[in-house]
N, C-alpha and C. Protein backbone atom coordinates (compact mmCIF):
# COMPACT_ATOMS: atom_id res chain seq x y z
N UNK A 1 0.85 -1.18 0.00
CA UNK A 1 0.00 0.00 0.00
C UNK A 1 0.90 1.24 0.00
N UNK A 2 0.57 2.20 -0.83
CA UNK A 2 1.39 3.42 -0.93
C UNK A 2 1.16 4.34 0.26
N UNK A 3 2.11 5.24 0.46
CA UNK A 3 2.00 6.21 1.54
C UNK A 3 0.75 7.08 1.36
N UNK A 4 0.45 7.43 0.12
CA UNK A 4 -0.74 8.24 -0.16
C UNK A 4 -2.01 7.50 0.25
N UNK A 5 -2.08 6.23 -0.05
CA UNK A 5 -3.25 5.43 0.34
C UNK A 5 -3.39 5.35 1.85
N UNK A 6 -2.26 5.19 2.54
CA UNK A 6 -2.29 5.15 4.00
C UNK A 6 -2.78 6.46 4.58
N UNK A 7 -2.30 7.57 4.03
CA UNK A 7 -2.74 8.88 4.51
C UNK A 7 -4.22 9.10 4.22
N UNK A 8 -4.70 8.63 3.08
CA UNK A 8 -6.12 8.74 2.77
C UNK A 8 -6.95 7.94 3.77
N UNK A 9 -6.47 6.77 4.14
CA UNK A 9 -7.17 5.95 5.14
C UNK A 9 -7.18 6.65 6.50
N UNK A 10 -6.05 7.22 6.90
CA UNK A 10 -5.99 7.96 8.16
C UNK A 10 -6.94 9.15 8.13
N UNK A 11 -6.97 9.87 7.02
CA UNK A 11 -7.88 11.01 6.89
C UNK A 11 -9.33 10.56 7.01
N UNK A 12 -9.66 9.42 6.41
CA UNK A 12 -11.02 8.90 6.51
C UNK A 12 -11.37 8.55 7.95
N UNK A 13 -10.45 7.91 8.65
CA UNK A 13 -10.68 7.58 10.07
C UNK A 13 -10.88 8.85 10.89
N UNK A 14 -10.10 9.89 10.60
CA UNK A 14 -10.23 11.16 11.32
C UNK A 14 -11.61 11.78 11.05
N UNK A 15 -12.05 11.75 9.80
CA UNK A 15 -13.37 12.29 9.47
C UNK A 15 -14.47 11.53 10.20
N UNK A 16 -14.35 10.21 10.27
CA UNK A 16 -15.34 9.41 10.99
C UNK A 16 -15.38 9.78 12.47
N UNK A 17 -14.20 9.89 13.07
CA UNK A 17 -14.14 10.30 14.48
C UNK A 17 -14.75 11.69 14.67
N UNK A 18 -14.41 12.62 13.77
CA UNK A 18 -14.93 13.97 13.86
C UNK A 18 -16.46 13.98 13.75
N UNK A 19 -17.00 13.18 12.84
CA UNK A 19 -18.46 13.08 12.70
C UNK A 19 -19.11 12.48 13.93
N UNK A 20 -18.45 11.50 14.55
CA UNK A 20 -18.98 10.86 15.75
C UNK A 20 -18.87 11.75 16.99
N UNK A 21 -17.89 12.67 16.97
CA UNK A 21 -17.61 13.51 18.15
C UNK A 21 -17.44 14.97 17.71
N UNK A 22 -18.54 15.62 17.33
CA UNK A 22 -18.43 16.98 16.78
C UNK A 22 -17.94 18.02 17.79
N UNK A 23 -17.98 17.74 19.05
CA UNK A 23 -17.50 18.68 20.06
C UNK A 23 -16.00 18.61 20.30
N UNK A 24 -15.30 17.86 19.45
CA UNK A 24 -13.86 17.67 19.63
C UNK A 24 -13.11 18.00 18.35
N UNK A 25 -11.94 18.56 18.51
CA UNK A 25 -11.01 18.68 17.38
C UNK A 25 -10.15 17.42 17.42
N UNK A 26 -10.06 16.71 16.31
CA UNK A 26 -9.35 15.43 16.26
C UNK A 26 -8.31 15.49 15.15
N UNK A 27 -7.11 15.03 15.46
CA UNK A 27 -6.05 14.98 14.46
C UNK A 27 -5.10 13.84 14.77
N UNK A 28 -4.27 13.53 13.81
CA UNK A 28 -3.26 12.50 14.01
C UNK A 28 -1.91 13.06 13.59
N UNK A 29 -0.88 12.42 14.11
CA UNK A 29 0.49 12.76 13.73
C UNK A 29 1.09 11.52 13.09
N UNK A 30 1.47 11.66 11.85
CA UNK A 30 2.07 10.56 11.10
C UNK A 30 3.54 10.45 11.50
N UNK A 31 3.99 9.24 11.82
CA UNK A 31 5.38 9.00 12.20
C UNK A 31 6.00 8.07 11.16
N UNK A 32 7.12 8.46 10.59
CA UNK A 32 7.75 7.63 9.57
C UNK A 32 8.34 6.34 10.14
N UNK A 33 8.59 6.32 11.45
CA UNK A 33 9.24 5.15 12.05
C UNK A 33 8.30 4.35 12.96
N UNK A 34 7.01 4.56 12.85
CA UNK A 34 6.08 3.81 13.68
C UNK A 34 4.65 4.23 13.40
N UNK A 35 3.71 3.70 14.18
CA UNK A 35 2.30 4.02 13.91
C UNK A 35 1.99 5.49 14.20
N UNK A 36 0.93 5.97 13.58
CA UNK A 36 0.46 7.33 13.83
C UNK A 36 -0.07 7.41 15.26
N UNK A 37 0.02 8.59 15.84
CA UNK A 37 -0.60 8.83 17.15
C UNK A 37 -1.81 9.73 16.94
N UNK A 38 -2.83 9.51 17.74
CA UNK A 38 -4.09 10.22 17.61
C UNK A 38 -4.27 11.18 18.77
N UNK A 39 -4.88 12.33 18.49
CA UNK A 39 -5.02 13.38 19.48
C UNK A 39 -6.41 14.00 19.37
N UNK A 40 -6.89 14.55 20.47
CA UNK A 40 -8.18 15.24 20.48
C UNK A 40 -8.17 16.29 21.58
N UNK A 41 -8.93 17.34 21.34
CA UNK A 41 -9.15 18.32 22.40
C UNK A 41 -10.58 18.83 22.26
N UNK A 42 -11.18 19.10 23.40
CA UNK A 42 -12.59 19.52 23.36
C UNK A 42 -12.74 20.96 22.90
N UNK A 43 -13.89 21.21 22.27
CA UNK A 43 -14.28 22.57 21.95
C UNK A 43 -15.13 23.07 23.10
N UNK A 44 -15.32 24.31 23.36
CA UNK A 44 -14.88 25.44 22.55
C UNK A 44 -13.44 25.79 22.88
N UNK A 45 -12.79 26.40 21.92
CA UNK A 45 -11.46 26.92 22.17
C UNK A 45 -11.62 28.26 22.84
N UNK A 46 -10.81 28.48 23.83
CA UNK A 46 -10.90 29.71 24.59
C UNK A 46 -9.69 30.59 24.26
N UNK A 47 -9.93 31.87 24.16
CA UNK A 47 -8.87 32.84 23.92
C UNK A 47 -8.96 33.91 24.98
N UNK A 48 -7.81 34.35 25.44
CA UNK A 48 -7.79 35.38 26.46
C UNK A 48 -6.53 36.23 26.29
N UNK A 49 -6.55 37.45 26.80
CA UNK A 49 -5.40 38.32 26.65
C UNK A 49 -4.23 38.00 27.58
N UNK A 50 -4.46 37.14 28.59
CA UNK A 50 -3.38 36.81 29.52
C UNK A 50 -3.56 35.38 30.05
N UNK A 51 -2.48 34.81 30.57
CA UNK A 51 -2.60 33.47 31.17
C UNK A 51 -3.59 33.44 32.33
N UNK A 52 -3.61 34.48 33.14
CA UNK A 52 -4.55 34.51 34.27
C UNK A 52 -6.00 34.55 33.78
N UNK A 53 -6.26 35.35 32.74
CA UNK A 53 -7.61 35.40 32.18
C UNK A 53 -8.00 34.06 31.57
N UNK A 54 -7.06 33.41 30.89
CA UNK A 54 -7.33 32.10 30.30
C UNK A 54 -7.61 31.08 31.40
N UNK A 55 -6.84 31.10 32.46
CA UNK A 55 -7.04 30.18 33.58
C UNK A 55 -8.46 30.34 34.13
N UNK A 56 -8.90 31.59 34.27
CA UNK A 56 -10.24 31.86 34.79
C UNK A 56 -11.31 31.33 33.83
N UNK A 57 -11.14 31.59 32.53
CA UNK A 57 -12.10 31.10 31.54
C UNK A 57 -12.20 29.58 31.55
N UNK A 58 -11.06 28.92 31.65
CA UNK A 58 -11.05 27.45 31.67
C UNK A 58 -11.80 26.93 32.88
N UNK A 59 -11.52 27.49 34.04
CA UNK A 59 -12.19 26.99 35.25
C UNK A 59 -13.68 27.28 35.22
N UNK A 60 -14.09 28.40 34.61
CA UNK A 60 -15.52 28.70 34.48
C UNK A 60 -16.20 27.81 33.46
N UNK A 61 -15.49 27.45 32.39
CA UNK A 61 -16.08 26.66 31.32
C UNK A 61 -16.38 25.24 31.76
N UNK A 62 -15.47 24.62 32.46
CA UNK A 62 -15.69 23.24 32.90
C UNK A 62 -14.75 22.93 34.06
N UNK A 63 -15.15 23.29 35.26
CA UNK A 63 -14.26 23.12 36.40
C UNK A 63 -13.88 21.68 36.70
N UNK A 64 -14.66 20.69 36.25
CA UNK A 64 -14.33 19.30 36.56
C UNK A 64 -13.67 18.57 35.40
N UNK A 65 -13.61 19.17 34.22
CA UNK A 65 -13.09 18.45 33.05
C UNK A 65 -11.69 17.89 33.24
N UNK A 66 -10.69 18.66 33.68
CA UNK A 66 -9.35 18.06 33.81
C UNK A 66 -9.30 16.89 34.77
N UNK A 67 -9.98 17.00 35.89
CA UNK A 67 -9.99 15.89 36.84
C UNK A 67 -10.74 14.69 36.29
N UNK A 68 -11.87 14.95 35.63
CA UNK A 68 -12.65 13.86 35.06
C UNK A 68 -11.86 13.14 33.98
N UNK A 69 -11.22 13.89 33.09
CA UNK A 69 -10.42 13.26 32.04
C UNK A 69 -9.26 12.47 32.63
N UNK A 70 -8.60 13.03 33.63
CA UNK A 70 -7.47 12.33 34.25
C UNK A 70 -7.93 11.03 34.90
N UNK A 71 -9.09 11.05 35.52
CA UNK A 71 -9.58 9.83 36.17
C UNK A 71 -10.01 8.79 35.14
N UNK A 72 -10.37 9.21 33.94
CA UNK A 72 -10.85 8.29 32.91
C UNK A 72 -9.74 7.71 32.05
N UNK A 73 -8.55 8.28 32.07
CA UNK A 73 -7.48 7.83 31.19
C UNK A 73 -7.23 6.34 31.35
N UNK A 74 -7.18 5.86 32.56
CA UNK A 74 -6.91 4.43 32.77
C UNK A 74 -8.06 3.56 32.30
N UNK A 75 -9.27 4.12 32.20
CA UNK A 75 -10.43 3.36 31.76
C UNK A 75 -10.51 3.27 30.23
N UNK A 76 -9.70 4.00 29.52
CA UNK A 76 -9.82 4.09 28.07
C UNK A 76 -9.10 2.98 27.32
N UNK A 77 -8.49 2.06 28.01
CA UNK A 77 -7.85 0.93 27.35
C UNK A 77 -8.94 0.03 26.77
N UNK A 78 -8.88 -0.26 25.48
CA UNK A 78 -9.95 -1.06 24.87
C UNK A 78 -10.03 -2.47 25.45
N UNK A 79 -11.24 -2.95 25.56
CA UNK A 79 -11.44 -4.31 26.03
C UNK A 79 -11.17 -5.27 24.87
N UNK A 80 -10.92 -6.55 25.15
CA UNK A 80 -10.66 -7.52 24.07
C UNK A 80 -11.78 -7.56 23.04
N UNK A 81 -13.03 -7.37 23.47
CA UNK A 81 -14.14 -7.43 22.52
C UNK A 81 -14.10 -6.26 21.54
N UNK A 82 -13.52 -5.13 21.94
CA UNK A 82 -13.41 -3.98 21.05
C UNK A 82 -12.26 -4.11 20.06
N UNK A 83 -11.31 -4.94 20.39
CA UNK A 83 -10.12 -5.05 19.57
C UNK A 83 -10.37 -5.77 18.25
N UNK A 84 -11.19 -6.79 18.24
CA UNK A 84 -11.36 -7.60 17.03
C UNK A 84 -11.83 -6.80 15.82
N UNK A 85 -12.89 -5.98 15.91
CA UNK A 85 -13.34 -5.26 14.72
C UNK A 85 -12.34 -4.23 14.22
N UNK A 86 -11.48 -3.74 15.08
CA UNK A 86 -10.55 -2.71 14.69
C UNK A 86 -9.19 -3.25 14.28
N UNK A 87 -9.05 -4.56 14.31
CA UNK A 87 -7.75 -5.16 14.03
C UNK A 87 -7.22 -4.77 12.67
N UNK A 88 -8.05 -4.75 11.65
CA UNK A 88 -7.55 -4.41 10.32
C UNK A 88 -7.03 -2.99 10.27
N UNK A 89 -7.67 -2.07 10.94
CA UNK A 89 -7.17 -0.70 10.98
C UNK A 89 -5.89 -0.60 11.77
N UNK A 90 -5.82 -1.34 12.87
CA UNK A 90 -4.59 -1.32 13.66
C UNK A 90 -3.45 -1.93 12.87
N UNK A 91 -3.72 -2.96 12.11
CA UNK A 91 -2.68 -3.54 11.25
C UNK A 91 -2.21 -2.51 10.25
N UNK A 92 -3.14 -1.77 9.68
CA UNK A 92 -2.81 -0.72 8.73
C UNK A 92 -1.92 0.34 9.40
N UNK A 93 -2.34 0.77 10.57
CA UNK A 93 -1.58 1.81 11.26
C UNK A 93 -0.20 1.32 11.70
N UNK A 94 -0.09 0.05 12.02
CA UNK A 94 1.21 -0.46 12.46
C UNK A 94 2.23 -0.45 11.32
N UNK A 95 1.74 -0.41 10.07
CA UNK A 95 2.66 -0.34 8.93
C UNK A 95 3.16 1.05 8.66
N UNK A 96 2.58 2.03 9.35
CA UNK A 96 3.04 3.41 9.15
C UNK A 96 4.31 3.55 9.85
């Protein structure tokens, strides 16, 4: 499979994730020496004139989000039943 085909597949997976999770910005980083890594951040994006103002906006927007996400990280490991349908995509990504 060509590099272009792999990138097209990654782009398609990103679009699917974006459609499934419209409140998130989703992207991947292609690595020439290993699989791509996937990233996401929640919307809305906040802008402020200073770090202190940004800190205040973040805490007002979702005061529990950082703690909730941190507590969920360990729960996000896929179960064996989730692995089987995604195996072909993981095989594809492992060739990157």
